Amino acid sequence: MSDASMLAVVKMDGELDISRRAEIRAALAIDGQPAGVLVDFAEVTYADSSAISELLRFRADLGRRGLAVALLIKSPQFKRLLEYAGVSDAFAVFDERADALTYLGSARR
């Protein structure tokens, strides 16, 4: 995606565990310089530490590129995992897509 006025959207569902690590990494590979990135995990039912590891790698890459990221997570288990791993403050996490998009819109200014 090369248009800086556009948001990149990454959407995954189901269980994000070690068996899907390569798929997670590939999904989080953002080309170009979008205005921001919405990671839509609203339909993720389970996540383990491999998902957290890939998200941290992703966040570091976006930080180097000056891109804002918002995570849409509805699973209480996934939210607890972020908290237990001590990384919940590393991400802007939202329950509602509209809130995540508002955040990304304000982060661009």
PDB file of N, CA and C in Angstrom:
ATOM      1  N   MET A   1       0.843  -1.162   0.000  1.00  0.00           N
ATOM      2  CA  MET A   1       0.000   0.000   0.000  1.00  0.00           C
ATOM      3  C   MET A   1       0.892   1.230   0.000  1.00  0.00           C
ATOM      4  N   SER A   2       0.773   2.073  -0.995  1.00  0.00           N
ATOM      5  CA  SER A   2       1.675   3.205  -1.098  1.00  0.00           C
ATOM      6  C   SER A   2       1.009   4.536  -0.794  1.00  0.00           C
ATOM      7  N   ASP A   3      -0.310   4.616  -0.775  1.00  0.00           N
ATOM      8  CA  ASP A   3      -1.001   5.867  -0.536  1.00  0.00           C
ATOM      9  C   ASP A   3      -1.020   6.170   0.951  1.00  0.00           C
ATOM     10  N   ALA A   4      -0.320   7.239   1.356  1.00  0.00           N
ATOM     11  CA  ALA A   4      -0.184   7.572   2.767  1.00  0.00           C
ATOM     12  C   ALA A   4      -1.494   8.031   3.382  1.00  0.00           C
ATOM     13  N   SER A   5      -2.517   8.313   2.591  1.00  0.00           N
ATOM     14  CA  SER A   5      -3.797   8.711   3.154  1.00  0.00           C
ATOM     15  C   SER A   5      -4.640   7.495   3.532  1.00  0.00           C
ATOM     16  N   MET A   6      -4.206   6.336   3.172  1.00  0.00           N
ATOM     17  CA  MET A   6      -4.964   5.108   3.419  1.00  0.00           C
ATOM     18  C   MET A   6      -4.423   4.376   4.639  1.00  0.00           C
ATOM     19  N   LEU A   7      -5.332   3.705   5.313  1.00  0.00           N
ATOM     20  CA  LEU A   7      -4.937   2.840   6.412  1.00  0.00           C
ATOM     21  C   LEU A   7      -4.709   1.433   5.876  1.00  0.00           C
ATOM     22  N   ALA A   8      -3.737   0.756   6.434  1.00  0.00           N
ATOM     23  CA  ALA A   8      -3.550  -0.671   6.142  1.00  0.00           C
ATOM     24  C   ALA A   8      -4.374  -1.436   7.172  1.00  0.00           C
ATOM     25  N   VAL A   9      -5.001  -2.504   6.756  1.00  0.00           N
ATOM     26  CA  VAL A   9      -5.797  -3.332   7.664  1.00  0.00           C
ATOM     27  C   VAL A   9      -5.282  -4.761   7.585  1.00  0.00           C
ATOM     28  N   VAL A  10      -4.989  -5.306   8.759  1.00  0.00           N
ATOM     29  CA  VAL A  10      -4.594  -6.712   8.880  1.00  0.00           C
ATOM     30  C   VAL A  10      -5.720  -7.397   9.630  1.00  0.00           C
ATOM     31  N   LYS A  11      -6.265  -8.467   9.077  1.00  0.00           N
ATOM     32  CA  LYS A  11      -7.368  -9.175   9.721  1.00  0.00           C
ATOM     33  C   LYS A  11      -7.025 -10.652   9.830  1.00  0.00           C
ATOM     34  N   MET A  12      -7.143 -11.152  11.058  1.00  0.00           N
ATOM     35  CA  MET A  12      -6.924 -12.581  11.284  1.00  0.00           C
ATOM     36  C   MET A  12      -8.033 -13.092  12.184  1.00  0.00           C
ATOM     37  N   ASP A  13      -8.241 -14.410  12.157  1.00  0.00           N
ATOM     38  CA  ASP A  13      -9.277 -14.996  13.000  1.00  0.00           C
ATOM     39  C   ASP A  13      -8.841 -16.355  13.514  1.00  0.00           C
ATOM     40  N   GLY A  14      -9.666 -16.951  14.339  1.00  0.00           N
ATOM     41  CA  GLY A  14      -9.392 -18.276  14.876  1.00  0.00           C
ATOM     42  C   GLY A  14      -8.360 -18.253  15.977  1.00  0.00           C
ATOM     43  N   GLU A  15      -7.575 -19.309  16.053  1.00  0.00           N
ATOM     44  CA  GLU A  15      -6.557 -19.463  17.090  1.00  0.00           C
ATOM     45  C   GLU A  15      -5.183 -19.077  16.543  1.00  0.00           C
ATOM     46  N   LEU A  16      -4.542 -18.142  17.233  1.00  0.00           N
ATOM     47  CA  LEU A  16      -3.199 -17.708  16.843  1.00  0.00           C
ATOM     48  C   LEU A  16      -2.205 -18.343  17.797  1.00  0.00           C
ATOM     49  N   ASP A  17      -1.625 -19.438  17.350  1.00  0.00           N
ATOM     50  CA  ASP A  17      -0.663 -20.138  18.193  1.00  0.00           C
ATOM     51  C   ASP A  17       0.608 -20.425  17.391  1.00  0.00           C
ATOM     52  N   ILE A  18       1.504 -21.147  17.990  1.00  0.00           N
ATOM     53  CA  ILE A  18       2.822 -21.404  17.388  1.00  0.00           C
ATOM     54  C   ILE A  18       2.706 -22.021  15.993  1.00  0.00           C
ATOM     55  N   SER A  19       1.669 -22.796  15.754  1.00  0.00           N
ATOM     56  CA  SER A  19       1.519 -23.425  14.440  1.00  0.00           C
ATOM     57  C   SER A  19       1.211 -22.405  13.344  1.00  0.00           C
ATOM     58  N   ARG A  20       0.800 -21.200  13.721  1.00  0.00           N
ATOM     59  CA  ARG A  20       0.465 -20.159  12.740  1.00  0.00           C
ATOM     60  C   ARG A  20       1.457 -18.993  12.764  1.00  0.00           C
ATOM     61  N   ARG A  21       2.581 -19.193  13.416  1.00  0.00           N
ATOM     62  CA  ARG A  21       3.547 -18.103  13.577  1.00  0.00           C
ATOM     63  C   ARG A  21       3.965 -17.482  12.237  1.00  0.00           C
ATOM     64  N   ALA A  22       4.313 -18.296  11.265  1.00  0.00           N
ATOM     65  CA  ALA A  22       4.725 -17.776   9.959  1.00  0.00           C
ATOM     66  C   ALA A  22       3.582 -17.022   9.285  1.00  0.00           C
ATOM     67  N   GLU A  23       2.379 -17.513   9.436  1.00  0.00           N
ATOM     68  CA  GLU A  23       1.206 -16.841   8.865  1.00  0.00           C
ATOM     69  C   GLU A  23       0.981 -15.482   9.534  1.00  0.00           C
ATOM     70  N   ILE A  24       1.147 -15.423  10.848  1.00  0.00           N
ATOM     71  CA  ILE A  24       1.003 -14.160  11.585  1.00  0.00           C
ATOM     72  C   ILE A  24       2.051 -13.164  11.097  1.00  0.00           C
ATOM     73  N   ARG A  25       3.292 -13.622  11.014  1.00  0.00           N
ATOM     74  CA  ARG A  25       4.385 -12.744  10.563  1.00  0.00           C
ATOM     75  C   ARG A  25       4.109 -12.218   9.158  1.00  0.00           C
ATOM     76  N   ALA A  26       3.664 -13.087   8.264  1.00  0.00           N
ATOM     77  CA  ALA A  26       3.372 -12.665   6.893  1.00  0.00           C
ATOM     78  C   ALA A  26       2.216 -11.663   6.858  1.00  0.00           C
ATOM     79  N   ALA A  27       1.186 -11.904   7.661  1.00  0.00           N
ATOM     80  CA  ALA A  27       0.037 -10.990   7.682  1.00  0.00           C
ATOM     81  C   ALA A  27       0.435  -9.613   8.200  1.00  0.00           C
ATOM     82  N   LEU A  28       1.393  -9.573   9.118  1.00  0.00           N
ATOM     83  CA  LEU A  28       1.825  -8.316   9.712  1.00  0.00           C
ATOM     84  C   LEU A  28       2.913  -7.604   8.905  1.00  0.00           C
ATOM     85  N   ALA A  29       3.266  -8.128   7.759  1.00  0.00           N
ATOM     86  CA  ALA A  29       4.265  -7.483   6.893  1.00  0.00           C
ATOM     87  C   ALA A  29       3.559  -6.396   6.088  1.00  0.00           C
ATOM     88  N   ILE A  30       3.780  -5.155   6.466  1.00  0.00           N
ATOM     89  CA  ILE A  30       3.112  -4.014   5.831  1.00  0.00           C
ATOM     90  C   ILE A  30       4.090  -3.344   4.868  1.00  0.00           C
ATOM     91  N   ASP A  31       3.690  -3.265   3.608  1.00  0.00           N
ATOM     92  CA  ASP A  31       4.496  -2.587   2.596  1.00  0.00           C
ATOM     93  C   ASP A  31       4.077  -1.131   2.493  1.00  0.00           C
ATOM     94  N   GLY A  32       4.951  -0.323   1.984  1.00  0.00           N
ATOM     95  CA  GLY A  32       4.620   1.070   1.740  1.00  0.00           C
ATOM     96  C   GLY A  32       4.596   1.891   3.014  1.00  0.00           C
ATOM     97  N   GLN A  33       3.923   3.029   2.928  1.00  0.00           N
ATOM     98  CA  GLN A  33       3.851   3.966   4.043  1.00  0.00           C
ATOM     99  C   GLN A  33       2.390   4.397   4.230  1.00  0.00           C
ATOM    100  N   PRO A  34       1.552   3.497   4.764  1.00  0.00           N
ATOM    101  CA  PRO A  34       0.158   3.884   4.995  1.00  0.00           C
ATOM    102  C   PRO A  34       0.075   4.922   6.109  1.00  0.00           C
ATOM    103  N   ALA A  35      -1.096   5.523   6.261  1.00  0.00           N
ATOM    104  CA  ALA A  35      -1.307   6.527   7.309  1.00  0.00           C
ATOM    105  C   ALA A  35      -1.283   5.890   8.697  1.00  0.00           C
ATOM    106  N   GLY A  36      -1.624   4.642   8.793  1.00  0.00           N
ATOM    107  CA  GLY A  36      -1.651   3.903  10.051  1.00  0.00           C
ATOM    108  C   GLY A  36      -2.072   2.477   9.764  1.00  0.00           C
ATOM    109  N   VAL A  37      -2.090   1.663  10.812  1.00  0.00           N
ATOM    110  CA  VAL A  37      -2.415   0.250  10.632  1.00  0.00           C
ATOM    111  C   VAL A  37      -3.453  -0.177  11.666  1.00  0.00           C
ATOM    112  N   LEU A  38      -4.541  -0.763  11.192  1.00  0.00           N
ATOM    113  CA  LEU A  38      -5.541  -1.382  12.047  1.00  0.00           C
ATOM    114  C   LEU A  38      -5.318  -2.886  12.003  1.00  0.00           C
ATOM    115  N   VAL A  39      -5.030  -3.475  13.152  1.00  0.00           N
ATOM    116  CA  VAL A  39      -4.883  -4.923  13.244  1.00  0.00           C
ATOM    117  C   VAL A  39      -6.181  -5.442  13.840  1.00  0.00           C
ATOM    118  N   ASP A  40      -6.985  -6.070  12.999  1.00  0.00           N
ATOM    119  CA  ASP A  40      -8.317  -6.538  13.384  1.00  0.00           C
ATOM    120  C   ASP A  40      -8.246  -7.998  13.823  1.00  0.00           C
ATOM    121  N   PHE A  41      -8.182  -8.170  15.135  1.00  0.00           N
ATOM    122  CA  PHE A  41      -8.189  -9.506  15.739  1.00  0.00           C
ATOM    123  C   PHE A  41      -9.521  -9.771  16.434  1.00  0.00           C
ATOM    124  N   ALA A  42     -10.579  -9.087  16.006  1.00  0.00           N
ATOM    125  CA  ALA A  42     -11.887  -9.205  16.654  1.00  0.00           C
ATOM    126  C   ALA A  42     -12.408 -10.644  16.633  1.00  0.00           C
ATOM    127  N   GLU A  43     -12.022 -11.407  15.615  1.00  0.00           N
ATOM    128  CA  GLU A  43     -12.509 -12.778  15.496  1.00  0.00           C
ATOM    129  C   GLU A  43     -11.481 -13.815  15.942  1.00  0.00           C
ATOM    130  N   VAL A  44     -10.438 -13.362  16.614  1.00  0.00           N
ATOM    131  CA  VAL A  44      -9.451 -14.289  17.179  1.00  0.00           C
ATOM    132  C   VAL A  44     -10.031 -14.846  18.478  1.00  0.00           C
ATOM    133  N   THR A  45     -10.053 -16.157  18.590  1.00  0.00           N
ATOM    134  CA  THR A  45     -10.637 -16.798  19.770  1.00  0.00           C
ATOM    135  C   THR A  45      -9.596 -17.196  20.802  1.00  0.00           C
ATOM    136  N   TYR A  46      -8.322 -17.268  20.383  1.00  0.00           N
ATOM    137  CA  TYR A  46      -7.248 -17.688  21.286  1.00  0.00           C
ATOM    138  C   TYR A  46      -5.934 -17.173  20.717  1.00  0.00           C
ATOM    139  N   ALA A  47      -5.036 -16.797  21.615  1.00  0.00           N
ATOM    140  CA  ALA A  47      -3.694 -16.399  21.193  1.00  0.00           C
ATOM    141  C   ALA A  47      -2.700 -16.875  22.241  1.00  0.00           C
ATOM    142  N   ASP A  48      -1.490 -17.204  21.803  1.00  0.00           N
ATOM    143  CA  ASP A  48      -0.439 -17.589  22.747  1.00  0.00           C
ATOM    144  C   ASP A  48       0.737 -16.625  22.613  1.00  0.00           C
ATOM    145  N   SER A  49       1.815 -16.947  23.284  1.00  0.00           N
ATOM    146  CA  SER A  49       2.969 -16.046  23.323  1.00  0.00           C
ATOM    147  C   SER A  49       3.611 -15.836  21.954  1.00  0.00           C
ATOM    148  N   SER A  50       3.425 -16.761  21.033  1.00  0.00           N
ATOM    149  CA  SER A  50       3.997 -16.553  19.698  1.00  0.00           C
ATOM    150  C   SER A  50       3.300 -15.385  18.997  1.00  0.00           C
ATOM    151  N   ALA A  51       2.010 -15.206  19.231  1.00  0.00           N
ATOM    152  CA  ALA A  51       1.302 -14.055  18.662  1.00  0.00           C
ATOM    153  C   ALA A  51       1.828 -12.763  19.273  1.00  0.00           C
ATOM    154  N   ILE A  52       2.072 -12.774  20.585  1.00  0.00           N
ATOM    155  CA  ILE A  52       2.620 -11.593  21.259  1.00  0.00           C
ATOM    156  C   ILE A  52       4.001 -11.265  20.702  1.00  0.00           C
ATOM    157  N   SER A  53       4.822 -12.270  20.520  1.00  0.00           N
ATOM    158  CA  SER A  53       6.159 -12.062  19.984  1.00  0.00           C
ATOM    159  C   SER A  53       6.105 -11.399  18.608  1.00  0.00           C
ATOM    160  N   GLU A  54       5.226 -11.876  17.755  1.00  0.00           N
ATOM    161  CA  GLU A  54       5.102 -11.299  16.414  1.00  0.00           C
ATOM    162  C   GLU A  54       4.538  -9.881  16.478  1.00  0.00           C
ATOM    163  N   LEU A  55       3.615  -9.630  17.386  1.00  0.00           N
ATOM    164  CA  LEU A  55       3.084  -8.274  17.542  1.00  0.00           C
ATOM    165  C   LEU A  55       4.168  -7.305  18.011  1.00  0.00           C
ATOM    166  N   LEU A  56       5.027  -7.744  18.898  1.00  0.00           N
ATOM    167  CA  LEU A  56       6.118  -6.883  19.371  1.00  0.00           C
ATOM    168  C   LEU A  56       7.106  -6.580  18.246  1.00  0.00           C
ATOM    169  N   ARG A  57       7.406  -7.577  17.438  1.00  0.00           N
ATOM    170  CA  ARG A  57       8.280  -7.377  16.276  1.00  0.00           C
ATOM    171  C   ARG A  57       7.633  -6.362  15.329  1.00  0.00           C
ATOM    172  N   PHE A  58       6.350  -6.523  15.099  1.00  0.00           N
ATOM    173  CA  PHE A  58       5.573  -5.647  14.233  1.00  0.00           C
ATOM    174  C   PHE A  58       5.578  -4.213  14.759  1.00  0.00           C
ATOM    175  N   ARG A  59       5.330  -4.059  16.052  1.00  0.00           N
ATOM    176  CA  ARG A  59       5.308  -2.731  16.665  1.00  0.00           C
ATOM    177  C   ARG A  59       6.666  -2.036  16.520  1.00  0.00           C
ATOM    178  N   ALA A  60       7.738  -2.767  16.713  1.00  0.00           N
ATOM    179  CA  ALA A  60       9.074  -2.183  16.568  1.00  0.00           C
ATOM    180  C   ALA A  60       9.292  -1.703  15.135  1.00  0.00           C
ATOM    181  N   ASP A  61       8.874  -2.499  14.161  1.00  0.00           N
ATOM    182  CA  ASP A  61       9.017  -2.107  12.758  1.00  0.00           C
ATOM    183  C   ASP A  61       8.207  -0.844  12.466  1.00  0.00           C
ATOM    184  N   LEU A  62       6.960  -0.806  12.928  1.00  0.00           N
ATOM    185  CA  LEU A  62       6.122   0.360  12.678  1.00  0.00           C
ATOM    186  C   LEU A  62       6.669   1.591  13.383  1.00  0.00           C
ATOM    187  N   GLY A  63       7.210   1.400  14.579  1.00  0.00           N
ATOM    188  CA  GLY A  63       7.803   2.516  15.311  1.00  0.00           C
ATOM    189  C   GLY A  63       8.958   3.139  14.552  1.00  0.00           C
ATOM    190  N   ARG A  64       9.793   2.307  13.963  1.00  0.00           N
ATOM    191  CA  ARG A  64      10.918   2.812  13.160  1.00  0.00           C
ATOM    192  C   ARG A  64      10.422   3.601  11.949  1.00  0.00           C
ATOM    193  N   ARG A  65       9.247   3.235  11.466  1.00  0.00           N
ATOM    194  CA  ARG A  65       8.680   3.896  10.291  1.00  0.00           C
ATOM    195  C   ARG A  65       7.728   5.033  10.653  1.00  0.00           C
ATOM    196  N   GLY A  66       7.515   5.255  11.939  1.00  0.00           N
ATOM    197  CA  GLY A  66       6.655   6.341  12.388  1.00  0.00           C
ATOM    198  C   GLY A  66       5.178   6.113  12.125  1.00  0.00           C
ATOM    199  N   LEU A  67       4.753   4.843  12.116  1.00  0.00           N
ATOM    200  CA  LEU A  67       3.360   4.516  11.838  1.00  0.00           C
ATOM    201  C   LEU A  67       2.603   4.179  13.117  1.00  0.00           C
ATOM    202  N   ALA A  68       1.387   4.695  13.223  1.00  0.00           N
ATOM    203  CA  ALA A  68       0.517   4.374  14.356  1.00  0.00           C
ATOM    204  C   ALA A  68      -0.172   3.039  14.095  1.00  0.00           C
ATOM    205  N   VAL A  69      -0.412   2.304  15.184  1.00  0.00           N
ATOM    206  CA  VAL A  69      -1.094   1.018  15.074  1.00  0.00           C
ATOM    207  C   VAL A  69      -2.165   0.928  16.156  1.00  0.00           C
ATOM    208  N   ALA A  70      -3.302   0.340  15.796  1.00  0.00           N
ATOM    209  CA  ALA A  70      -4.377   0.083  16.744  1.00  0.00           C
ATOM    210  C   ALA A  70      -4.761  -1.384  16.625  1.00  0.00           C
ATOM    211  N   LEU A  71      -4.941  -2.025  17.767  1.00  0.00           N
ATOM    212  CA  LEU A  71      -5.366  -3.422  17.791  1.00  0.00           C
ATOM    213  C   LEU A  71      -6.844  -3.485  18.161  1.00  0.00           C
ATOM    214  N   LEU A  72      -7.617  -4.214  17.389  1.00  0.00           N
ATOM    215  CA  LEU A  72      -9.019  -4.479  17.702  1.00  0.00           C
ATOM    216  C   LEU A  72      -9.087  -5.903  18.237  1.00  0.00           C
ATOM    217  N   ILE A  73      -9.302  -6.018  19.544  1.00  0.00           N
ATOM    218  CA  ILE A  73      -9.312  -7.333  20.200  1.00  0.00           C
ATOM    219  C   ILE A  73     -10.561  -7.439  21.054  1.00  0.00           C
ATOM    220  N   LYS A  74     -11.334  -8.481  20.834  1.00  0.00           N
ATOM    221  CA  LYS A  74     -12.548  -8.701  21.623  1.00  0.00           C
ATOM    222  C   LYS A  74     -12.399  -9.862  22.605  1.00  0.00           C
ATOM    223  N   SER A  75     -11.469 -10.747  22.362  1.00  0.00           N
ATOM    224  CA  SER A  75     -11.286 -11.920  23.210  1.00  0.00           C
ATOM    225  C   SER A  75     -10.714 -11.535  24.575  1.00  0.00           C
ATOM    226  N   PRO A  76     -11.444 -11.837  25.664  1.00  0.00           N
ATOM    227  CA  PRO A  76     -10.904 -11.558  26.998  1.00  0.00           C
ATOM    228  C   PRO A  76      -9.586 -12.303  27.248  1.00  0.00           C
ATOM    229  N   GLN A  77      -9.450 -13.505  26.711  1.00  0.00           N
ATOM    230  CA  GLN A  77      -8.223 -14.286  26.893  1.00  0.00           C
ATOM    231  C   GLN A  77      -7.044 -13.577  26.262  1.00  0.00           C
ATOM    232  N   PHE A  78      -7.227 -13.049  25.067  1.00  0.00           N
ATOM    233  CA  PHE A  78      -6.151 -12.362  24.354  1.00  0.00           C
ATOM    234  C   PHE A  78      -5.764 -11.088  25.106  1.00  0.00           C
ATOM    235  N   LYS A  79      -6.743 -10.348  25.599  1.00  0.00           N
ATOM    236  CA  LYS A  79      -6.452  -9.139  26.373  1.00  0.00           C
ATOM    237  C   LYS A  79      -5.681  -9.477  27.648  1.00  0.00           C
ATOM    238  N   ARG A  80      -6.090 -10.544  28.331  1.00  0.00           N
ATOM    239  CA  ARG A  80      -5.366 -10.979  29.544  1.00  0.00           C
ATOM    240  C   ARG A  80      -3.943 -11.377  29.213  1.00  0.00           C
ATOM    241  N   LEU A  81      -3.749 -12.041  28.085  1.00  0.00           N
ATOM    242  CA  LEU A  81      -2.408 -12.445  27.679  1.00  0.00           C
ATOM    243  C   LEU A  81      -1.506 -11.224  27.525  1.00  0.00           C
ATOM    244  N   LEU A  82      -2.019 -10.166  26.904  1.00  0.00           N
ATOM    245  CA  LEU A  82      -1.246  -8.933  26.776  1.00  0.00           C
ATOM    246  C   LEU A  82      -0.885  -8.372  28.154  1.00  0.00           C
ATOM    247  N   GLU A  83      -1.852  -8.394  29.062  1.00  0.00           N
ATOM    248  CA  GLU A  83      -1.608  -7.893  30.420  1.00  0.00           C
ATOM    249  C   GLU A  83      -0.581  -8.754  31.141  1.00  0.00           C
ATOM    250  N   TYR A  84      -0.763 -10.070  31.116  1.00  0.00           N
ATOM    251  CA  TYR A  84       0.143 -10.987  31.817  1.00  0.00           C
ATOM    252  C   TYR A  84       1.558 -10.908  31.267  1.00  0.00           C
ATOM    253  N   ALA A  85       1.676 -10.657  29.972  1.00  0.00           N
ATOM    254  CA  ALA A  85       2.997 -10.545  29.350  1.00  0.00           C
ATOM    255  C   ALA A  85       3.635  -9.186  29.637  1.00  0.00           C
ATOM    256  N   GLY A  86       2.861  -8.279  30.224  1.00  0.00           N
ATOM    257  CA  GLY A  86       3.373  -6.963  30.565  1.00  0.00           C
ATOM    258  C   GLY A  86       3.513  -6.032  29.381  1.00  0.00           C
ATOM    259  N   VAL A  87       2.754  -6.295  28.318  1.00  0.00           N
ATOM    260  CA  VAL A  87       2.873  -5.470  27.114  1.00  0.00           C
ATOM    261  C   VAL A  87       1.577  -4.758  26.747  1.00  0.00           C
ATOM    262  N   SER A  88       0.590  -4.779  27.619  1.00  0.00           N
ATOM    263  CA  SER A  88      -0.686  -4.153  27.269  1.00  0.00           C
ATOM    264  C   SER A  88      -0.534  -2.655  27.017  1.00  0.00           C
ATOM    265  N   ASP A  89       0.411  -2.008  27.702  1.00  0.00           N
ATOM    266  CA  ASP A  89       0.628  -0.577  27.483  1.00  0.00           C
ATOM    267  C   ASP A  89       1.430  -0.290  26.212  1.00  0.00           C
ATOM    268  N   ALA A  90       1.966  -1.313  25.588  1.00  0.00           N
ATOM    269  CA  ALA A  90       2.746  -1.131  24.364  1.00  0.00           C
ATOM    270  C   ALA A  90       1.854  -0.942  23.140  1.00  0.00           C
ATOM    271  N   PHE A  91       0.571  -1.222  23.298  1.00  0.00           N
ATOM    272  CA  PHE A  91      -0.354  -1.172  22.174  1.00  0.00           C
ATOM    273  C   PHE A  91      -1.591  -0.360  22.524  1.00  0.00           C
ATOM    274  N   ALA A  92      -2.169   0.276  21.527  1.00  0.00           N
ATOM    275  CA  ALA A  92      -3.479   0.899  21.672  1.00  0.00           C
ATOM    276  C   ALA A  92      -4.498  -0.183  21.331  1.00  0.00           C
ATOM    277  N   VAL A  93      -5.193  -0.704  22.349  1.00  0.00           N
ATOM    278  CA  VAL A  93      -6.117  -1.819  22.177  1.00  0.00           C
ATOM    279  C   VAL A  93      -7.548  -1.309  22.320  1.00  0.00           C
ATOM    280  N   PHE A  94      -8.404  -1.725  21.406  1.00  0.00           N
ATOM    281  CA  PHE A  94      -9.782  -1.264  21.380  1.00  0.00           C
ATOM    282  C   PHE A  94     -10.744  -2.439  21.267  1.00  0.00           C
ATOM    283  N   ASP A  95     -11.953  -2.242  21.822  1.00  0.00           N
ATOM    284  CA  ASP A  95     -13.038  -3.223  21.717  1.00  0.00           C
ATOM    285  C   ASP A  95     -13.893  -2.978  20.479  1.00  0.00           C
ATOM    286  N   GLU A  96     -13.924  -1.723  20.045  1.00  0.00           N
ATOM    287  CA  GLU A  96     -14.797  -1.327  18.936  1.00  0.00           C
ATOM    288  C   GLU A  96     -13.977  -0.765  17.775  1.00  0.00           C
ATOM    289  N   ARG A  97     -14.337  -1.182  16.590  1.00  0.00           N
ATOM    290  CA  ARG A  97     -13.631  -0.748  15.378  1.00  0.00           C
ATOM    291  C   ARG A  97     -13.672   0.778  15.227  1.00  0.00           C
ATOM    292  N   ALA A  98     -14.828   1.387  15.485  1.00  0.00           N
ATOM    293  CA  ALA A  98     -14.956   2.840  15.342  1.00  0.00           C
ATOM    294  C   ALA A  98     -13.975   3.570  16.253  1.00  0.00           C
ATOM    295  N   ASP A  99     -13.790   3.075  17.465  1.00  0.00           N
ATOM    296  CA  ASP A  99     -12.848   3.704  18.395  1.00  0.00           C
ATOM    297  C   ASP A  99     -11.410   3.579  17.883  1.00  0.00           C
ATOM    298  N   ALA A 100     -11.089   2.417  17.339  1.00  0.00           N
ATOM    299  CA  ALA A 100      -9.736   2.204  16.794  1.00  0.00           C
ATOM    300  C   ALA A 100      -9.481   3.134  15.613  1.00  0.00           C
ATOM    301  N   LEU A 101     -10.470   3.285  14.748  1.00  0.00           N
ATOM    302  CA  LEU A 101     -10.319   4.165  13.587  1.00  0.00           C
ATOM    303  C   LEU A 101     -10.213   5.632  14.010  1.00  0.00           C
ATOM    304  N   THR A 102     -10.962   6.026  15.035  1.00  0.00           N
ATOM    305  CA  THR A 102     -10.857   7.389  15.561  1.00  0.00           C
ATOM    306  C   THR A 102      -9.457   7.639  16.090  1.00  0.00           C
ATOM    307  N   TYR A 103      -8.926   6.673  16.831  1.00  0.00           N
ATOM    308  CA  TYR A 103      -7.567   6.785  17.360  1.00  0.00           C
ATOM    309  C   TYR A 103      -6.561   6.956  16.215  1.00  0.00           C
ATOM    310  N   LEU A 104      -6.669   6.106  15.204  1.00  0.00           N
ATOM    311  CA  LEU A 104      -5.729   6.190  14.080  1.00  0.00           C
ATOM    312  C   LEU A 104      -5.865   7.514  13.338  1.00  0.00           C
ATOM    313  N   GLY A 105      -7.081   8.007  13.213  1.00  0.00           N
ATOM    314  CA  GLY A 105      -7.295   9.296  12.560  1.00  0.00           C
ATOM    315  C   GLY A 105      -6.648  10.425  13.323  1.00  0.00           C
ATOM    316  N   SER A 106      -6.713  10.379  14.652  1.00  0.00           N
ATOM    317  CA  SER A 106      -6.100  11.445  15.459  1.00  0.00           C
ATOM    318  C   SER A 106      -4.582  11.280  15.529  1.00  0.00           C
ATOM    319  N   ALA A 107      -4.087  10.079  15.391  1.00  0.00           N
ATOM    320  CA  ALA A 107      -2.638   9.831  15.441  1.00  0.00           C
ATOM    321  C   ALA A 107      -1.938  10.364  14.204  1.00  0.00           C
ATOM    322  N   ARG A 108      -2.663  10.554  13.121  1.00  0.00           N
ATOM    323  CA  ARG A 108      -2.082  11.044  11.857  1.00  0.00           C
ATOM    324  C   ARG A 108      -1.812  12.531  11.886  1.00  0.00           C
ATOM    325  N   ARG A 109      -2.467  13.240  12.765  1.00  0.00           N
ATOM    326  CA  ARG A 109      -2.365  14.708  12.756  1.00  0.00           C
ATOM    327  C   ARG A 109      -1.110  15.198  13.376  1.00  0.00           C
TER     328      ARG A 109
END
